[in-house]
Amino acid sequence: MNSRGSASTFLISQACRPMEKGIVFRMSQATGCSECSITCEALEVHLWLSPRADARHMLKTFEDARNRIVAVAGKKMRARPSNSVPTHPS
């Protein structure tokens, strides 16, 4: 919910980039876009990605958990509306 009590809608870009330490993706909402990331460690701890997985497996895990990842990133975007939203295993 935003500060006025209504639900926010988040859209995730199709252009997800696997990086050495995780995946970078963009999310947008009515107030703008944010670059987000999820670390390999978070994918391993919470989404059962195999350690030292290749980019194809990272993207498959990301896609399988897309709704969960969007929910966490959206919550973080609402909590601190900046241009960057990192997601770590905490």
N, C-alpha and C. Protein backbone atom coordinates (compact mmCIF):
# COMPACT_ATOMS: atom_id res chain seq x y z
N MET A 1 0.83 -1.17 0.00
CA MET A 1 0.00 0.00 0.00
C MET A 1 0.88 1.24 0.00
N ASN A 2 0.43 2.26 -0.67
CA ASN A 2 1.19 3.50 -0.64
C ASN A 2 0.74 4.33 0.55
N SER A 3 1.28 5.56 0.65
CA SER A 3 0.99 6.37 1.83
C SER A 3 -0.49 6.75 1.94
N ARG A 4 -1.23 6.65 0.86
CA ARG A 4 -2.66 6.96 0.91
C ARG A 4 -3.51 5.72 1.16
N GLY A 5 -2.86 4.56 1.33
CA GLY A 5 -3.60 3.35 1.67
C GLY A 5 -4.05 2.52 0.50
N SER A 6 -3.70 2.90 -0.73
CA SER A 6 -4.11 2.09 -1.88
C SER A 6 -2.96 1.20 -2.31
N ALA A 7 -3.29 0.11 -2.96
CA ALA A 7 -2.28 -0.84 -3.40
C ALA A 7 -1.49 -0.29 -4.57
N SER A 8 -0.20 -0.62 -4.64
CA SER A 8 0.65 -0.23 -5.75
C SER A 8 0.78 -1.40 -6.71
N THR A 9 0.95 -1.09 -7.98
CA THR A 9 1.17 -2.12 -8.98
C THR A 9 2.60 -2.00 -9.47
N PHE A 10 3.32 -3.11 -9.50
CA PHE A 10 4.69 -3.13 -9.94
C PHE A 10 4.80 -3.98 -11.19
N LEU A 11 5.52 -3.49 -12.17
CA LEU A 11 5.78 -4.23 -13.39
C LEU A 11 7.28 -4.48 -13.47
N ILE A 12 7.67 -5.66 -13.91
CA ILE A 12 9.08 -5.98 -14.02
C ILE A 12 9.45 -6.07 -15.49
N SER A 13 10.57 -5.50 -15.82
CA SER A 13 11.05 -5.51 -17.20
C SER A 13 11.43 -6.93 -17.61
N GLN A 14 11.30 -7.23 -18.87
CA GLN A 14 11.73 -8.54 -19.38
C GLN A 14 13.26 -8.63 -19.46
N ALA A 15 13.94 -7.50 -19.42
CA ALA A 15 15.39 -7.46 -19.59
C ALA A 15 16.10 -7.68 -18.27
N CYS A 16 16.20 -8.91 -17.84
CA CYS A 16 16.94 -9.26 -16.62
C CYS A 16 18.36 -9.61 -17.05
N ARG A 17 19.34 -9.11 -16.33
CA ARG A 17 20.73 -9.36 -16.68
C ARG A 17 21.42 -10.17 -15.60
N PRO A 18 21.84 -11.39 -15.93
CA PRO A 18 22.62 -12.13 -14.95
C PRO A 18 24.01 -11.51 -14.83
N MET A 19 24.46 -11.30 -13.63
CA MET A 19 25.77 -10.75 -13.37
C MET A 19 26.55 -11.78 -12.55
N GLU A 20 27.80 -11.51 -12.31
CA GLU A 20 28.63 -12.46 -11.57
C GLU A 20 28.08 -12.77 -10.18
N LYS A 21 27.50 -11.74 -9.53
CA LYS A 21 27.05 -11.93 -8.15
C LYS A 21 25.53 -11.91 -8.01
N GLY A 22 24.80 -12.00 -9.10
CA GLY A 22 23.34 -12.01 -9.01
C GLY A 22 22.68 -11.58 -10.30
N ILE A 23 21.45 -11.10 -10.18
CA ILE A 23 20.66 -10.68 -11.33
C ILE A 23 20.19 -9.25 -11.10
N VAL A 24 20.31 -8.44 -12.13
CA VAL A 24 19.86 -7.05 -12.10
C VAL A 24 18.61 -6.97 -12.97
N PHE A 25 17.58 -6.28 -12.46
CA PHE A 25 16.34 -6.13 -13.21
C PHE A 25 15.72 -4.77 -12.88
N ARG A 26 14.81 -4.32 -13.71
CA ARG A 26 14.15 -3.03 -13.50
C ARG A 26 12.68 -3.27 -13.17
N MET A 27 12.19 -2.50 -12.21
CA MET A 27 10.77 -2.53 -11.87
C MET A 27 10.22 -1.13 -12.02
N SER A 28 8.97 -1.05 -12.43
CA SER A 28 8.36 0.28 -12.56
C SER A 28 7.02 0.28 -11.85
N GLN A 29 6.65 1.47 -11.42
CA GLN A 29 5.35 1.71 -10.82
C GLN A 29 4.93 3.10 -11.25
N ALA A 30 3.81 3.56 -10.81
CA ALA A 30 3.28 4.86 -11.24
C ALA A 30 4.24 6.01 -10.95
N THR A 31 5.01 5.90 -9.89
CA THR A 31 5.91 7.00 -9.50
C THR A 31 7.27 6.93 -10.15
N GLY A 32 7.58 5.88 -10.92
CA GLY A 32 8.86 5.80 -11.61
C GLY A 32 9.43 4.40 -11.64
N CYS A 33 10.67 4.31 -12.12
CA CYS A 33 11.37 3.03 -12.26
C CYS A 33 12.50 2.93 -11.25
N SER A 34 12.84 1.71 -10.90
CA SER A 34 13.99 1.46 -10.03
C SER A 34 14.77 0.29 -10.58
N GLU A 35 16.09 0.39 -10.49
CA GLU A 35 16.92 -0.76 -10.82
C GLU A 35 17.04 -1.60 -9.57
N CYS A 36 16.77 -2.88 -9.70
CA CYS A 36 16.78 -3.80 -8.57
C CYS A 36 17.79 -4.90 -8.83
N SER A 37 18.18 -5.58 -7.78
CA SER A 37 19.08 -6.71 -7.94
C SER A 37 18.78 -7.74 -6.86
N ILE A 38 19.10 -8.98 -7.19
CA ILE A 38 19.01 -10.05 -6.21
C ILE A 38 20.33 -10.81 -6.30
N THR A 39 20.94 -11.06 -5.16
CA THR A 39 22.25 -11.71 -5.14
C THR A 39 22.12 -13.21 -5.36
N CYS A 40 23.23 -13.80 -5.82
CA CYS A 40 23.28 -15.26 -5.95
C CYS A 40 23.03 -15.91 -4.59
N GLU A 41 23.59 -15.30 -3.55
CA GLU A 41 23.42 -15.85 -2.20
C GLU A 41 21.93 -15.89 -1.82
N ALA A 42 21.19 -14.83 -2.13
CA ALA A 42 19.76 -14.82 -1.82
C ALA A 42 19.03 -15.89 -2.63
N LEU A 43 19.41 -16.05 -3.89
CA LEU A 43 18.79 -17.10 -4.71
C LEU A 43 19.10 -18.48 -4.15
N GLU A 44 20.31 -18.67 -3.64
CA GLU A 44 20.70 -19.96 -3.06
C GLU A 44 19.97 -20.23 -1.75
N VAL A 45 19.93 -19.23 -0.87
CA VAL A 45 19.35 -19.40 0.46
C VAL A 45 17.83 -19.56 0.40
N HIS A 46 17.16 -18.73 -0.37
CA HIS A 46 15.70 -18.69 -0.35
C HIS A 46 15.03 -19.44 -1.49
N LEU A 47 15.75 -19.66 -2.59
CA LEU A 47 15.09 -20.22 -3.77
C LEU A 47 15.81 -21.45 -4.31
N TRP A 48 16.69 -22.03 -3.54
CA TRP A 48 17.34 -23.30 -3.83
C TRP A 48 18.17 -23.32 -5.11
N LEU A 49 18.79 -22.19 -5.46
CA LEU A 49 19.72 -22.18 -6.58
C LEU A 49 20.97 -22.93 -6.15
N SER A 50 21.49 -23.77 -7.03
CA SER A 50 22.72 -24.50 -6.72
C SER A 50 23.91 -23.55 -6.66
N PRO A 51 24.81 -23.77 -5.72
CA PRO A 51 26.02 -22.93 -5.67
C PRO A 51 26.78 -23.03 -6.99
N ARG A 52 27.36 -21.94 -7.41
CA ARG A 52 28.14 -21.85 -8.65
C ARG A 52 27.31 -22.17 -9.89
N ALA A 53 26.02 -21.87 -9.85
CA ALA A 53 25.14 -22.12 -10.99
C ALA A 53 25.50 -21.17 -12.14
N ASP A 54 25.26 -21.63 -13.36
CA ASP A 54 25.55 -20.78 -14.51
C ASP A 54 24.40 -19.80 -14.73
N ALA A 55 24.58 -18.88 -15.68
CA ALA A 55 23.60 -17.82 -15.94
C ALA A 55 22.24 -18.39 -16.32
N ARG A 56 22.21 -19.45 -17.09
CA ARG A 56 20.94 -20.06 -17.50
C ARG A 56 20.15 -20.54 -16.29
N HIS A 57 20.81 -21.19 -15.35
CA HIS A 57 20.12 -21.68 -14.15
C HIS A 57 19.70 -20.53 -13.23
N MET A 58 20.53 -19.48 -13.16
CA MET A 58 20.16 -18.30 -12.37
C MET A 58 18.88 -17.68 -12.92
N LEU A 59 18.81 -17.51 -14.24
CA LEU A 59 17.62 -16.91 -14.85
C LEU A 59 16.39 -17.80 -14.70
N LYS A 60 16.58 -19.11 -14.78
CA LYS A 60 15.46 -20.05 -14.59
C LYS A 60 14.92 -19.95 -13.17
N THR A 61 15.81 -19.90 -12.19
CA THR A 61 15.39 -19.77 -10.79
C THR A 61 14.68 -18.44 -10.59
N PHE A 62 15.23 -17.37 -11.17
CA PHE A 62 14.60 -16.05 -11.08
C PHE A 62 13.20 -16.09 -11.67
N GLU A 63 13.06 -16.66 -12.84
CA GLU A 63 11.76 -16.70 -13.52
C GLU A 63 10.75 -17.54 -12.72
N ASP A 64 11.20 -18.66 -12.17
CA ASP A 64 10.31 -19.51 -11.37
C ASP A 64 9.81 -18.80 -10.12
N ALA A 65 10.61 -17.90 -9.58
CA ALA A 65 10.26 -17.20 -8.34
C ALA A 65 9.90 -15.74 -8.58
N ARG A 66 9.61 -15.39 -9.82
CA ARG A 66 9.35 -14.00 -10.19
C ARG A 66 8.35 -13.31 -9.27
N ASN A 67 7.23 -13.94 -8.96
CA ASN A 67 6.21 -13.30 -8.12
C ASN A 67 6.73 -13.01 -6.71
N ARG A 68 7.47 -13.94 -6.14
CA ARG A 68 8.04 -13.73 -4.80
C ARG A 68 9.06 -12.60 -4.82
N ILE A 69 9.92 -12.59 -5.86
CA ILE A 69 10.95 -11.57 -5.97
C ILE A 69 10.32 -10.19 -6.15
N VAL A 70 9.30 -10.10 -7.00
CA VAL A 70 8.60 -8.82 -7.22
C VAL A 70 7.95 -8.35 -5.92
N ALA A 71 7.38 -9.27 -5.15
CA ALA A 71 6.74 -8.88 -3.89
C ALA A 71 7.76 -8.29 -2.92
N VAL A 72 8.92 -8.92 -2.78
CA VAL A 72 9.95 -8.42 -1.87
C VAL A 72 10.51 -7.09 -2.37
N ALA A 73 10.84 -7.02 -3.66
CA ALA A 73 11.39 -5.77 -4.21
C ALA A 73 10.36 -4.64 -4.12
N GLY A 74 9.09 -4.95 -4.38
CA GLY A 74 8.04 -3.94 -4.27
C GLY A 74 7.90 -3.41 -2.86
N LYS A 75 7.99 -4.31 -1.89
CA LYS A 75 7.92 -3.89 -0.48
C LYS A 75 9.09 -2.96 -0.15
N LYS A 76 10.28 -3.31 -0.64
CA LYS A 76 11.45 -2.47 -0.39
C LYS A 76 11.33 -1.13 -1.11
N MET A 77 10.75 -1.12 -2.32
CA MET A 77 10.55 0.13 -3.05
C MET A 77 9.61 1.06 -2.30
N ARG A 78 8.55 0.50 -1.72
CA ARG A 78 7.61 1.32 -0.95
C ARG A 78 8.25 1.85 0.33
N ALA A 79 9.09 1.03 0.95
CA ALA A 79 9.72 1.42 2.21
C ALA A 79 10.74 2.53 2.04
N ARG A 80 11.45 2.50 0.92
CA ARG A 80 12.45 3.54 0.66
C ARG A 80 12.52 3.80 -0.84
N PRO A 81 11.73 4.74 -1.29
CA PRO A 81 11.64 5.03 -2.72
C PRO A 81 12.89 5.71 -3.26
N SER A 82 13.90 4.91 -3.59
CA SER A 82 15.13 5.42 -4.21
C SER A 82 15.23 4.81 -5.60
N ASN A 83 16.36 4.96 -6.23
CA ASN A 83 16.54 4.41 -7.58
C ASN A 83 17.14 3.02 -7.58
N SER A 84 17.54 2.49 -6.45
CA SER A 84 18.20 1.19 -6.40
C SER A 84 17.60 0.35 -5.28
N VAL A 85 17.29 -0.90 -5.57
CA VAL A 85 16.69 -1.79 -4.56
C VAL A 85 17.46 -3.10 -4.56
N PRO A 86 18.46 -3.24 -3.68
CA PRO A 86 19.17 -4.52 -3.60
C PRO A 86 18.38 -5.51 -2.73
N THR A 87 18.46 -6.77 -3.10
CA THR A 87 17.80 -7.81 -2.32
C THR A 87 18.85 -8.82 -1.90
N HIS A 88 19.09 -8.89 -0.59
CA HIS A 88 20.10 -9.75 0.00
C HIS A 88 19.41 -10.81 0.85
N PRO A 89 20.12 -11.88 1.17
CA PRO A 89 19.52 -12.92 2.01
C PRO A 89 19.46 -12.53 3.47
N SER A 90 18.39 -11.86 3.87
CA SER A 90 18.28 -11.48 5.29
C SER A 90 16.95 -11.89 5.84
